[in-house]
Amino acid sequence: MSVPTFWSTPLRYLRWASHERPAIFYSIILGTMGPVCLVTIPPVRRYFGDTKPAPIPLTYPIPTGPRKIPEGFDDE
């Protein structure tokens, strides 16, 4: 029996690979899940209420008003 080729009969090839070459079979399955996840996961996350977190501040906030000078640390 000849080995089926992927592009001519993909389902027959996957069946053959699942029995004869399981590493190839699972690689194909995992490889097809990547693009599917890129399309399906963001809408599912929004549906369940997951929102984008607030951006990380890149600068230290500068307080308004005069600076309060600490007391009690003088060298006397």
N, C-alpha and C. Protein backbone atom coordinates (compact mmCIF):
# COMPACT_ATOMS: atom_id res chain seq x y z
N MET A 1 0.84 -1.17 0.00
CA MET A 1 0.00 0.00 0.00
C MET A 1 0.89 1.24 0.00
N SER A 2 0.55 2.20 -0.81
CA SER A 2 1.37 3.41 -0.90
C SER A 2 0.99 4.39 0.21
N VAL A 3 1.93 5.24 0.53
CA VAL A 3 1.70 6.24 1.56
C VAL A 3 0.89 7.38 0.95
N PRO A 4 -0.23 7.76 1.56
CA PRO A 4 -1.02 8.86 1.00
C PRO A 4 -0.29 10.19 1.18
N THR A 5 -0.39 11.06 0.21
CA THR A 5 0.24 12.37 0.32
C THR A 5 -0.75 13.37 0.88
N PHE A 6 -0.24 14.36 1.55
CA PHE A 6 -1.10 15.29 2.28
C PHE A 6 -1.99 16.10 1.36
N TRP A 7 -1.45 16.64 0.28
CA TRP A 7 -2.22 17.59 -0.52
C TRP A 7 -3.27 16.92 -1.39
N SER A 8 -3.10 15.66 -1.73
CA SER A 8 -4.12 15.02 -2.56
C SER A 8 -5.27 14.48 -1.73
N THR A 9 -4.97 13.90 -0.58
CA THR A 9 -6.03 13.36 0.30
C THR A 9 -5.66 13.67 1.75
N PRO A 10 -5.99 14.88 2.23
CA PRO A 10 -5.53 15.27 3.57
C PRO A 10 -6.13 14.42 4.70
N LEU A 11 -7.39 14.07 4.62
CA LEU A 11 -7.98 13.28 5.70
C LEU A 11 -7.41 11.86 5.75
N ARG A 12 -7.18 11.29 4.58
CA ARG A 12 -6.57 9.96 4.53
C ARG A 12 -5.14 10.01 5.05
N TYR A 13 -4.42 11.09 4.73
CA TYR A 13 -3.06 11.24 5.24
C TYR A 13 -3.05 11.37 6.75
N LEU A 14 -3.98 12.17 7.30
CA LEU A 14 -4.03 12.34 8.75
C LEU A 14 -4.35 11.02 9.44
N ARG A 15 -5.22 10.24 8.85
CA ARG A 15 -5.53 8.93 9.43
C ARG A 15 -4.30 8.03 9.41
N TRP A 16 -3.59 8.03 8.29
CA TRP A 16 -2.36 7.22 8.19
C TRP A 16 -1.31 7.72 9.18
N ALA A 17 -1.13 9.05 9.26
CA ALA A 17 -0.11 9.61 10.13
C ALA A 17 -0.44 9.38 11.60
N SER A 18 -1.73 9.34 11.95
CA SER A 18 -2.09 9.12 13.35
C SER A 18 -1.69 7.72 13.81
N HIS A 19 -1.64 6.76 12.88
CA HIS A 19 -1.24 5.39 13.24
C HIS A 19 0.26 5.16 13.06
N GLU A 20 0.80 5.65 11.97
CA GLU A 20 2.18 5.35 11.63
C GLU A 20 3.19 6.37 12.14
N ARG A 21 2.83 7.63 12.13
CA ARG A 21 3.72 8.72 12.53
C ARG A 21 2.98 9.68 13.46
N PRO A 22 2.80 9.31 14.73
CA PRO A 22 2.02 10.16 15.63
C PRO A 22 2.65 11.53 15.88
N ALA A 23 3.96 11.65 15.82
CA ALA A 23 4.60 12.96 16.03
C ALA A 23 4.20 13.92 14.91
N ILE A 24 4.16 13.44 13.69
CA ILE A 24 3.75 14.28 12.56
C ILE A 24 2.27 14.64 12.71
N PHE A 25 1.45 13.69 13.10
CA PHE A 25 0.02 13.93 13.25
C PHE A 25 -0.24 15.02 14.29
N TYR A 26 0.37 14.89 15.47
CA TYR A 26 0.12 15.89 16.51
C TYR A 26 0.76 17.23 16.16
N SER A 27 1.83 17.25 15.41
CA SER A 27 2.41 18.51 14.95
C SER A 27 1.46 19.23 14.02
N ILE A 28 0.80 18.50 13.15
CA ILE A 28 -0.17 19.11 12.24
C ILE A 28 -1.36 19.65 13.02
N ILE A 29 -1.84 18.88 13.99
CA ILE A 29 -2.99 19.31 14.79
C ILE A 29 -2.64 20.58 15.57
N LEU A 30 -1.49 20.59 16.25
CA LEU A 30 -1.10 21.78 17.01
C LEU A 30 -0.83 22.97 16.10
N GLY A 31 -0.27 22.72 14.93
CA GLY A 31 0.00 23.80 13.99
C GLY A 31 -1.26 24.45 13.46
N THR A 32 -2.32 23.69 13.30
CA THR A 32 -3.58 24.27 12.83
C THR A 32 -4.33 24.98 13.95
N MET A 33 -4.03 24.64 15.20
CA MET A 33 -4.72 25.28 16.31
C MET A 33 -4.25 26.72 16.52
N GLY A 34 -3.03 27.06 16.13
CA GLY A 34 -2.50 28.40 16.34
C GLY A 34 -3.30 29.48 15.64
N PRO A 35 -3.47 29.42 14.32
CA PRO A 35 -4.27 30.45 13.64
C PRO A 35 -5.73 30.46 14.09
N VAL A 36 -6.27 29.30 14.42
CA VAL A 36 -7.66 29.25 14.90
C VAL A 36 -7.78 29.99 16.22
N CYS A 37 -6.80 29.83 17.11
CA CYS A 37 -6.82 30.52 18.40
C CYS A 37 -6.68 32.03 18.23
N LEU A 38 -5.91 32.48 17.26
CA LEU A 38 -5.77 33.92 17.02
C LEU A 38 -7.10 34.56 16.67
N VAL A 39 -7.97 33.82 16.01
CA VAL A 39 -9.26 34.36 15.59
C VAL A 39 -10.31 34.21 16.67
N THR A 40 -10.28 33.14 17.45
CA THR A 40 -11.38 32.84 18.36
C THR A 40 -11.16 33.33 19.79
N ILE A 41 -9.95 33.38 20.29
CA ILE A 41 -9.74 33.70 21.70
C ILE A 41 -10.07 35.15 22.06
N PRO A 42 -9.68 36.18 21.30
CA PRO A 42 -10.03 37.55 21.72
C PRO A 42 -11.52 37.80 21.87
N PRO A 43 -12.40 37.37 20.96
CA PRO A 43 -13.83 37.58 21.21
C PRO A 43 -14.35 36.82 22.42
N VAL A 44 -13.82 35.64 22.67
CA VAL A 44 -14.25 34.88 23.85
C VAL A 44 -13.83 35.60 25.12
N ARG A 45 -12.62 36.15 25.15
CA ARG A 45 -12.17 36.89 26.33
C ARG A 45 -13.03 38.12 26.56
N ARG A 46 -13.38 38.85 25.49
CA ARG A 46 -14.24 40.02 25.65
C ARG A 46 -15.63 39.61 26.13
N TYR A 47 -16.14 38.49 25.67
CA TYR A 47 -17.45 38.00 26.09
C TYR A 47 -17.49 37.73 27.59
N PHE A 48 -16.41 37.19 28.14
CA PHE A 48 -16.36 36.88 29.56
C PHE A 48 -15.92 38.07 30.41
N GLY A 49 -15.73 39.24 29.81
CA GLY A 49 -15.46 40.46 30.56
C GLY A 49 -14.01 40.76 30.81
N ASP A 50 -13.11 40.11 30.15
CA ASP A 50 -11.69 40.40 30.33
C ASP A 50 -11.37 41.67 29.57
N THR A 51 -10.84 42.66 30.27
CA THR A 51 -10.51 43.94 29.64
C THR A 51 -9.01 44.14 29.62
N LYS A 52 -8.57 45.10 28.84
CA LYS A 52 -7.15 45.42 28.78
C LYS A 52 -6.74 46.10 30.08
N PRO A 53 -5.60 45.75 30.65
CA PRO A 53 -5.16 46.41 31.88
C PRO A 53 -4.71 47.83 31.60
N ALA A 54 -4.66 48.64 32.65
CA ALA A 54 -4.18 50.01 32.50
C ALA A 54 -2.71 49.98 32.08
N PRO A 55 -2.27 50.93 31.26
CA PRO A 55 -0.87 50.92 30.83
C PRO A 55 0.07 51.16 32.01
N ILE A 56 1.23 50.58 31.93
CA ILE A 56 2.24 50.73 32.97
C ILE A 56 2.81 52.14 32.87
N PRO A 57 2.86 52.88 34.00
CA PRO A 57 3.41 54.24 33.93
C PRO A 57 4.90 54.21 33.62
N LEU A 58 5.31 55.11 32.76
CA LEU A 58 6.71 55.17 32.35
C LEU A 58 7.48 56.23 33.12
N THR A 59 6.79 57.11 33.85
CA THR A 59 7.45 58.14 34.64
C THR A 59 6.87 58.13 36.05
N TYR A 60 7.62 58.70 36.97
CA TYR A 60 7.15 58.82 38.35
C TYR A 60 6.22 60.02 38.42
N PRO A 61 5.06 59.90 39.06
CA PRO A 61 4.15 61.05 39.11
C PRO A 61 4.73 62.17 39.97
N ILE A 62 4.69 63.38 39.47
CA ILE A 62 5.21 64.54 40.19
C ILE A 62 4.07 65.12 41.01
N PRO A 63 4.24 65.20 42.34
CA PRO A 63 3.16 65.74 43.17
C PRO A 63 3.00 67.24 42.97
N THR A 64 1.78 67.73 43.16
CA THR A 64 1.52 69.16 43.04
C THR A 64 1.76 69.83 44.40
N GLY A 65 2.08 71.10 44.39
CA GLY A 65 2.28 71.85 45.63
C GLY A 65 3.72 71.79 46.10
N PRO A 66 3.98 72.46 47.23
CA PRO A 66 5.36 72.49 47.74
C PRO A 66 5.76 71.15 48.35
N ARG A 67 7.06 70.91 48.36
CA ARG A 67 7.59 69.66 48.91
C ARG A 67 7.58 69.72 50.43
N LYS A 68 7.10 68.66 51.06
CA LYS A 68 7.09 68.61 52.52
C LYS A 68 8.45 68.10 52.98
N ILE A 69 9.14 68.90 53.79
CA ILE A 69 10.47 68.54 54.26
C ILE A 69 10.31 67.68 55.51
N PRO A 70 10.92 66.51 55.55
CA PRO A 70 10.78 65.65 56.73
C PRO A 70 11.48 66.26 57.94
N GLU A 71 10.91 66.01 59.11
CA GLU A 71 11.47 66.54 60.34
C GLU A 71 11.91 65.40 61.25
N GLY A 72 12.84 65.71 62.16
CA GLY A 72 13.26 64.72 63.13
C GLY A 72 14.48 63.92 62.72
N PHE A 73 15.11 64.26 61.60
CA PHE A 73 16.29 63.52 61.14
C PHE A 73 17.53 64.41 61.12
N ASP A 74 17.50 65.50 61.85
CA ASP A 74 18.62 66.43 61.86
C ASP A 74 19.77 65.86 62.67
N ASP A 75 21.00 66.19 62.28
CA ASP A 75 22.19 65.77 63.02
C ASP A 75 22.49 66.82 64.07
N GLU A 76 22.13 66.60 65.29
CA GLU A 76 22.40 67.56 66.34
C GLU A 76 23.08 66.90 67.50
